[in-house]
Amino acid sequence: FFFFFFFFTHTTLSAHTGREREMWRSSVVANGRRHFSVPASASPFAAAARSYASNSSSGSKSKTQQLRHLLTSPELSFIMEAHNGLSARIVEETGFKGIWASGLSISAQMGVRDSNEASWTQVLEVIEFMSDRTTIPILLDGDTGYGNFNNARRLVQKLESRGIAGVCLEDKLFPKTNSLIDGASQPLADVKEFCGKIRACKDTQRDRDFSVVARCEAFIAGWGKEEMLSRCVAYGEAGADAVLVHSNKNEPSEIEAFMKEWKSMGHKYPVVIVPTKYWKTPTQRLRDMNINMVIWANHNMRAAVTAMQETSRRIFEDENLTNVEPKVATVKEVFRLQDNDELSKAEGRYLPKD
């Protein structure tokens, strides 16, 4: 459990070298899919781009195709929260097939509130590191798109250039308010305005498999099932690849009522949920509702907070490491997660021999 101490450390916001960054972003589009052009002698970051390009051009699925499959599969799929490059790698190594780049978790690891206090370019910097270190798709919690349709479509351009597979946009006003804050005002965006934002994003994307998930906050705002249904239908018709139905109740009655009506209406748009508040709900019950995807939205960040609080408290009280060192990840394990072996091999290949 104390292992989480290591992957919550603040993400370094310094950029890769200009050459590496340009190699990663240099791309061409063929048949509606993005392919990266990377020299064979590039760095580990470029190696990640090479891997992505190889996946796209071979028989295997690209990151965008992987996410689309998770959203549309008849089997219930799960994606796990990460908030920096290290936690993203851990999520992939655990076996998850997709990553939720949580706005709450990313802002928390920066030490700011989940109210768009972190700029969208700062968020972009974090998820670029996450994408570099993983081969599975990342769905970004894109809040409201950081402004109007123009801000949102520019976000899509930048996400595609970094190998991000999709973005989830919520129908609230900028700056957003976290949906789980008790008593907070949760004003919703105009339906037509939000539909225009969805269309702008879909018209802008260059990869046909890039996914835009429309997150409806009608339950959070207290508007009820009928408003939730009408908004989700409108968002699907506007081009959203899936709808995220959000509820802050501690049991799933709102979700169940929605899904019952959704199925009776014959809609085929995939449905995504975030059961942070109704966490006691058995997974089979979610399957029985015909949910497509479950997002475990913030538990790596929260586990890291608990681990760091306990570790700091223990060291402060004991004034030694006796009760801590056996319980935390070894430094060697951290080096492994950072892929230090690759650097050692590269040094042997590229540095002059004495």
Protein backbone atom coordinates (compact mmCIF):
# COMPACT_ATOMS: atom_id res chain seq x y z
CA PHE A 1 0.00 0.00 0.00
CA PHE A 2 2.84 2.36 0.78
CA PHE A 3 4.01 1.84 -2.79
CA PHE A 4 1.64 4.63 -3.83
CA PHE A 5 3.93 7.08 -2.09
CA PHE A 6 6.25 7.05 -5.06
CA PHE A 7 3.91 7.59 -7.97
CA PHE A 8 2.08 10.62 -6.59
CA THR A 9 5.20 12.78 -6.69
CA HIS A 10 4.72 16.01 -8.58
CA THR A 11 5.00 15.61 -12.35
CA THR A 12 8.00 17.43 -13.75
CA LEU A 13 6.69 20.06 -16.09
CA SER A 14 9.91 20.64 -17.99
CA ALA A 15 9.61 19.76 -21.66
CA HIS A 16 11.51 17.12 -23.55
CA THR A 17 14.28 18.48 -25.68
CA GLY A 18 13.06 20.41 -28.69
CA ARG A 19 14.29 17.69 -31.01
CA GLU A 20 12.44 14.92 -29.16
CA ARG A 21 9.28 16.97 -28.96
CA GLU A 22 9.32 17.68 -32.68
CA MET A 23 9.96 14.02 -33.51
CA TRP A 24 6.97 13.05 -31.38
CA ARG A 25 4.68 15.64 -32.92
CA SER A 26 5.88 15.20 -36.49
CA SER A 27 3.17 13.18 -38.15
CA VAL A 28 1.32 12.43 -41.30
CA VAL A 29 -2.24 11.28 -41.76
CA ALA A 30 -3.02 8.37 -44.04
CA ASN A 31 -6.48 6.94 -44.55
CA GLY A 32 -7.80 8.97 -41.66
CA ARG A 33 -5.22 7.63 -39.20
CA ARG A 34 -2.26 9.37 -37.59
CA HIS A 35 1.21 7.93 -38.11
CA PHE A 36 4.41 9.21 -36.53
CA SER A 37 7.67 9.62 -38.42
CA VAL A 38 10.55 8.89 -36.04
CA PRO A 39 14.24 8.25 -36.74
CA ALA A 40 15.49 4.81 -35.69
CA SER A 41 18.15 6.32 -33.43
CA ALA A 42 15.72 8.41 -31.37
CA SER A 43 15.37 8.61 -27.60
CA PRO A 44 13.02 6.59 -25.35
CA PHE A 45 10.33 9.19 -25.98
CA ALA A 46 10.66 8.73 -29.71
CA ALA A 47 10.68 4.97 -29.14
CA ALA A 48 7.22 5.33 -27.65
CA ALA A 49 6.16 7.19 -30.78
CA ARG A 50 7.69 4.45 -32.95
CA SER A 51 5.73 1.84 -31.02
CA TYR A 52 2.53 3.79 -31.53
CA ALA A 53 3.21 4.21 -35.23
CA SER A 54 3.95 0.51 -35.55
CA ASN A 55 0.68 -0.39 -33.87
CA SER A 56 -1.18 1.93 -36.22
CA SER A 57 0.39 0.61 -39.41
CA SER A 58 0.32 -3.08 -38.57
CA GLY A 59 -2.51 -5.48 -37.89
CA SER A 60 -2.71 -4.41 -34.23
CA LYS A 61 -5.00 -1.66 -33.03
CA SER A 62 -3.93 1.96 -32.58
CA LYS A 63 -4.61 3.65 -29.26
CA THR A 64 -7.70 5.34 -30.68
CA GLN A 65 -8.99 2.03 -32.01
CA GLN A 66 -8.36 0.39 -28.65
CA LEU A 67 -10.44 3.02 -26.85
CA ARG A 68 -13.24 2.80 -29.41
CA HIS A 69 -13.31 -0.97 -28.89
CA LEU A 70 -13.56 -0.53 -25.11
CA LEU A 71 -16.47 1.87 -25.55
CA THR A 72 -18.42 -0.28 -27.98
CA SER A 73 -17.62 -3.80 -26.76
CA PRO A 74 -20.62 -5.87 -25.61
CA GLU A 75 -18.55 -6.78 -22.56
CA LEU A 76 -18.32 -4.32 -19.67
CA SER A 77 -14.94 -2.58 -19.79
CA PHE A 78 -12.98 -0.78 -17.10
CA ILE A 79 -10.43 2.02 -17.22
CA MET A 80 -8.33 3.23 -14.30
CA GLU A 81 -7.30 6.68 -13.16
CA ALA A 82 -3.75 7.94 -13.48
CA HIS A 83 -2.33 11.42 -12.98
CA ASN A 84 1.28 11.35 -14.19
CA GLY A 85 3.68 9.21 -16.20
CA LEU A 86 4.59 6.90 -13.33
CA SER A 87 1.03 6.15 -12.27
CA ALA A 88 0.04 5.64 -15.92
CA ARG A 89 2.74 3.01 -16.36
CA ILE A 90 1.62 1.27 -13.16
CA VAL A 91 -1.97 1.18 -14.42
CA GLU A 92 -0.88 -0.45 -17.67
CA GLU A 93 1.38 -2.97 -15.91
CA THR A 94 -1.52 -3.91 -13.63
CA GLY A 95 -3.45 -5.10 -16.66
CA PHE A 96 -5.96 -2.35 -17.32
CA LYS A 97 -6.74 -1.78 -21.00
CA GLY A 98 -7.27 1.97 -20.71
CA ILE A 99 -6.43 5.01 -18.58
CA TRP A 100 -8.62 7.82 -17.26
CA ALA A 101 -6.57 11.02 -17.06
CA SER A 102 -8.56 12.49 -14.19
CA GLY A 103 -8.93 16.24 -13.93
CA LEU A 104 -9.37 15.98 -10.16
CA SER A 105 -6.26 13.85 -9.74
CA ILE A 106 -4.06 15.90 -12.06
CA SER A 107 -5.04 19.13 -10.33
CA ALA A 108 -4.58 17.53 -6.90
CA GLN A 109 -1.04 16.37 -7.68
CA MET A 110 -0.32 19.99 -8.66
CA GLY A 111 -1.76 21.14 -5.35
CA VAL A 112 -4.56 23.22 -6.90
CA ARG A 113 -8.34 22.94 -6.93
CA ASP A 114 -10.37 21.10 -9.54
CA SER A 115 -11.81 24.37 -10.83
CA ASN A 116 -9.67 24.89 -13.92
CA GLU A 117 -6.96 26.49 -11.80
CA ALA A 118 -4.46 24.38 -13.70
CA SER A 119 -4.36 25.69 -17.25
CA TRP A 120 -5.17 23.38 -20.14
CA THR A 121 -1.59 23.59 -21.36
CA GLN A 122 -0.35 22.41 -17.96
CA VAL A 123 -2.76 19.48 -18.13
CA LEU A 124 -1.55 18.78 -21.66
CA GLU A 125 2.04 18.65 -20.42
CA VAL A 126 1.13 16.03 -17.82
CA ILE A 127 -0.76 13.76 -20.18
CA GLU A 128 2.03 13.96 -22.75
CA PHE A 129 4.30 12.27 -20.20
CA MET A 130 1.55 9.75 -19.53
CA SER A 131 1.19 8.96 -23.22
CA ASP A 132 4.95 8.64 -23.69
CA ARG A 133 5.17 5.95 -21.01
CA THR A 134 2.23 3.76 -22.09
CA THR A 135 0.86 1.79 -25.01
CA ILE A 136 -2.78 1.63 -23.91
CA PRO A 137 -5.31 4.39 -24.70
CA ILE A 138 -5.86 7.45 -22.53
CA LEU A 139 -9.23 9.15 -22.18
CA LEU A 140 -8.73 12.69 -20.90
CA ASP A 141 -11.13 14.23 -18.43
CA GLY A 142 -11.32 17.44 -20.45
CA ASP A 143 -13.75 19.30 -18.17
CA THR A 144 -15.77 21.70 -20.34
CA GLY A 145 -13.11 21.85 -23.06
CA TYR A 146 -11.56 24.85 -21.31
CA GLY A 147 -13.87 27.37 -22.93
CA ASN A 148 -16.18 27.46 -25.93
CA PHE A 149 -16.16 25.38 -29.12
CA ASN A 150 -12.97 27.03 -30.35
CA ASN A 151 -11.01 26.16 -27.22
CA ALA A 152 -12.37 22.61 -27.32
CA ARG A 153 -11.47 21.95 -30.94
CA ARG A 154 -7.96 23.31 -30.40
CA LEU A 155 -7.68 20.92 -27.45
CA VAL A 156 -8.56 18.02 -29.75
CA GLN A 157 -5.79 19.02 -32.15
CA LYS A 158 -3.24 19.04 -29.36
CA LEU A 159 -4.46 15.75 -27.89
CA GLU A 160 -4.16 13.97 -31.22
CA SER A 161 -0.62 15.23 -31.71
CA ARG A 162 0.33 13.60 -28.39
CA GLY A 163 -1.28 10.23 -29.04
CA ILE A 164 -4.25 10.71 -26.69
CA ALA A 165 -7.15 8.47 -27.74
CA GLY A 166 -10.13 10.54 -26.64
CA VAL A 167 -11.56 13.35 -24.56
CA CYS A 168 -14.55 13.52 -22.23
CA LEU A 169 -16.34 16.89 -22.18
CA GLU A 170 -18.98 17.85 -19.63
CA ASP A 171 -22.00 20.07 -20.21
CA LYS A 172 -21.25 22.62 -17.50
CA LEU A 173 -19.91 26.16 -17.62
CA PHE A 174 -16.29 27.26 -17.59
CA PRO A 175 -14.69 27.37 -15.07
CA LYS A 176 -16.11 24.05 -13.91
CA THR A 177 -17.06 23.01 -10.38
CA ASN A 178 -16.28 19.47 -9.24
CA SER A 179 -19.46 17.41 -9.29
CA LEU A 180 -18.88 15.83 -5.87
CA ILE A 181 -18.60 19.05 -3.85
CA ASP A 182 -21.57 19.18 -1.48
CA GLY A 183 -23.89 22.13 -1.98
CA ALA A 184 -21.96 23.64 -4.89
CA SER A 185 -23.86 25.35 -7.69
CA GLN A 186 -23.74 23.25 -10.86
CA PRO A 187 -25.11 25.35 -13.75
CA LEU A 188 -25.43 23.49 -17.04
CA ALA A 189 -24.48 24.66 -20.49
CA ASP A 190 -27.13 25.38 -23.10
CA VAL A 191 -27.89 22.18 -25.02
CA LYS A 192 -27.44 23.77 -28.45
CA GLU A 193 -24.18 25.38 -27.42
CA PHE A 194 -22.80 22.09 -26.11
CA CYS A 195 -23.93 20.22 -29.22
CA GLY A 196 -22.03 22.79 -31.29
CA LYS A 197 -18.95 22.11 -29.18
CA ILE A 198 -19.26 18.37 -29.85
CA ARG A 199 -19.65 18.94 -33.60
CA ALA A 200 -16.63 21.25 -33.63
CA CYS A 201 -14.49 18.59 -31.97
CA LYS A 202 -15.67 15.84 -34.32
CA ASP A 203 -15.14 18.05 -37.36
CA THR A 204 -11.63 18.91 -36.17
CA GLN A 205 -10.28 15.45 -35.38
CA ARG A 206 -8.00 13.95 -38.04
CA ASP A 207 -8.06 10.38 -36.76
CA ARG A 208 -11.50 8.91 -37.47
CA ASP A 209 -11.21 6.71 -34.37
CA PHE A 210 -10.54 9.55 -31.90
CA SER A 211 -13.40 9.48 -29.38
CA VAL A 212 -15.41 12.35 -27.94
CA VAL A 213 -17.40 11.32 -24.87
CA ALA A 214 -20.21 13.68 -23.82
CA ARG A 215 -20.62 13.82 -20.06
CA CYS A 216 -24.09 14.86 -18.94
CA GLU A 217 -24.44 16.45 -15.51
CA ALA A 218 -28.24 16.74 -15.37
CA PHE A 219 -28.49 14.49 -12.30
CA ILE A 220 -25.70 16.44 -10.58
CA ALA A 221 -27.58 19.70 -11.23
CA GLY A 222 -30.82 18.21 -9.91
CA TRP A 223 -32.68 18.30 -13.24
CA GLY A 224 -33.89 14.70 -13.25
CA LYS A 225 -34.17 11.77 -15.63
CA GLU A 226 -36.09 13.42 -18.47
CA GLU A 227 -33.52 16.18 -18.81
CA MET A 228 -30.73 13.62 -18.68
CA LEU A 229 -32.37 11.55 -21.43
CA SER A 230 -33.07 14.48 -23.73
CA ARG A 231 -29.56 15.86 -23.35
CA CYS A 232 -27.89 12.50 -23.97
CA VAL A 233 -29.98 11.96 -27.10
CA ALA A 234 -29.04 15.42 -28.38
CA TYR A 235 -25.35 14.84 -27.67
CA GLY A 236 -25.38 11.50 -29.46
CA GLU A 237 -27.08 13.03 -32.46
CA ALA A 238 -24.47 15.81 -32.46
CA GLY A 239 -21.78 13.20 -32.98
CA ALA A 240 -20.61 12.09 -29.52
CA ASP A 241 -19.13 8.61 -29.58
CA ALA A 242 -20.51 7.80 -26.11
CA VAL A 243 -22.35 9.48 -23.25
CA LEU A 244 -21.19 9.57 -19.64
CA VAL A 245 -24.10 9.58 -17.21
CA HIS A 246 -23.00 11.04 -13.89
CA SER A 247 -24.66 10.71 -10.49
CA ASN A 248 -23.54 11.72 -7.01
CA LYS A 249 -26.01 9.56 -5.09
CA ASN A 250 -24.59 6.81 -2.87
CA GLU A 251 -26.72 4.20 -4.65
CA PRO A 252 -27.35 3.64 -8.38
CA SER A 253 -31.09 4.34 -8.60
CA GLU A 254 -30.63 7.27 -11.01
CA ILE A 255 -28.39 5.23 -13.28
CA GLU A 256 -30.76 2.28 -13.26
CA ALA A 257 -33.77 4.45 -14.08
CA PHE A 258 -31.85 6.08 -16.92
CA MET A 259 -30.64 2.78 -18.39
CA LYS A 260 -34.10 1.25 -18.27
CA GLU A 261 -35.52 4.14 -20.27
CA TRP A 262 -32.46 4.34 -22.52
CA LYS A 263 -32.84 0.71 -23.55
CA SER A 264 -36.58 1.05 -24.14
CA MET A 265 -35.90 4.00 -26.45
CA GLY A 266 -33.58 1.82 -28.52
CA HIS A 267 -30.54 4.08 -28.38
CA LYS A 268 -27.22 2.51 -29.35
CA TYR A 269 -24.85 5.17 -28.03
CA PRO A 270 -22.45 3.58 -25.51
CA VAL A 271 -22.97 4.57 -21.88
CA VAL A 272 -20.12 5.28 -19.46
CA ILE A 273 -20.47 5.66 -15.68
CA VAL A 274 -18.29 6.76 -12.76
CA PRO A 275 -19.41 4.90 -9.60
CA THR A 276 -17.29 6.88 -7.15
CA LYS A 277 -20.24 7.61 -4.86
CA TYR A 278 -22.18 4.36 -5.35
CA TRP A 279 -19.09 2.22 -4.90
CA LYS A 280 -20.91 -0.51 -2.97
CA THR A 281 -22.87 -1.49 -6.08
CA PRO A 282 -21.92 -5.05 -7.18
CA THR A 283 -20.24 -5.13 -10.57
CA GLN A 284 -22.72 -7.73 -11.83
CA ARG A 285 -25.51 -5.23 -11.22
CA LEU A 286 -23.72 -2.80 -13.53
CA ARG A 287 -23.40 -5.52 -16.15
CA ASP A 288 -27.11 -6.25 -15.85
CA MET A 289 -27.83 -2.61 -16.66
CA ASN A 290 -25.90 -3.00 -19.95
CA ILE A 291 -23.37 -0.32 -19.05
CA ASN A 292 -20.50 -0.20 -21.57
CA MET A 293 -17.66 1.28 -19.52
CA VAL A 294 -16.85 1.89 -15.86
CA ILE A 295 -14.29 4.52 -14.87
CA TRP A 296 -12.44 4.04 -11.58
CA ALA A 297 -11.92 7.75 -11.42
CA ASN A 298 -9.62 8.87 -8.61
CA HIS A 299 -8.52 5.98 -6.40
CA ASN A 300 -4.82 5.93 -7.26
CA MET A 301 -4.58 9.57 -6.26
CA ARG A 302 -6.56 9.04 -3.06
CA ALA A 303 -4.54 5.95 -2.14
CA ALA A 304 -1.36 7.96 -2.68
CA VAL A 305 -2.62 10.69 -0.35
CA THR A 306 -3.27 8.14 2.40
CA ALA A 307 0.14 6.51 1.90
CA MET A 308 2.01 9.82 1.96
CA GLN A 309 0.16 11.04 5.04
CA GLU A 310 0.93 7.84 6.92
CA THR A 311 4.55 7.69 5.77
CA SER A 312 5.22 11.33 6.62
CA ARG A 313 3.54 10.95 10.01
CA ARG A 314 5.52 7.83 10.86
CA ILE A 315 8.89 9.35 9.91
CA PHE A 316 8.08 12.57 11.76
CA GLU A 317 7.15 10.72 14.94
CA ASP A 318 9.89 8.08 14.84
CA GLU A 319 12.71 10.32 13.55
CA ASN A 320 14.02 7.28 11.68
CA LEU A 321 13.06 5.02 8.78
CA THR A 322 12.85 1.70 10.63
CA ASN A 323 9.07 1.32 10.36
CA VAL A 324 8.83 2.74 6.85
CA GLU A 325 11.61 1.38 4.66
CA PRO A 326 10.36 -2.25 4.61
CA LYS A 327 6.88 -1.11 3.56
CA VAL A 328 7.63 1.14 0.60
CA ALA A 329 8.81 0.43 -2.93
CA THR A 330 12.54 -0.01 -3.29
CA VAL A 331 14.55 2.59 -5.15
CA LYS A 332 15.44 -0.18 -7.59
CA GLU A 333 11.75 -0.65 -8.38
CA VAL A 334 11.41 3.06 -9.07
CA PHE A 335 14.37 2.85 -11.45
CA ARG A 336 12.68 -0.06 -13.23
CA LEU A 337 9.49 1.93 -13.69
CA GLN A 338 11.57 4.77 -15.10
CA ASP A 339 13.14 2.33 -17.58
CA ASN A 340 16.70 3.04 -16.45
CA ASP A 341 17.93 -0.14 -18.14
CA GLU A 342 17.11 1.35 -21.53
CA LEU A 343 19.23 4.40 -20.74
CA SER A 344 22.16 2.22 -19.67
CA LYS A 345 21.98 0.31 -22.95
CA ALA A 346 21.73 3.56 -24.93
CA GLU A 347 24.77 4.98 -23.15
CA GLY A 348 26.71 1.89 -24.12
CA ARG A 349 25.64 2.35 -27.72
CA TYR A 350 26.04 6.10 -28.17
CA LEU A 351 28.62 7.40 -25.68
CA PRO A 352 32.28 7.24 -26.70
CA LYS A 353 34.22 4.31 -25.29
CA ASP A 354 37.17 5.13 -23.03
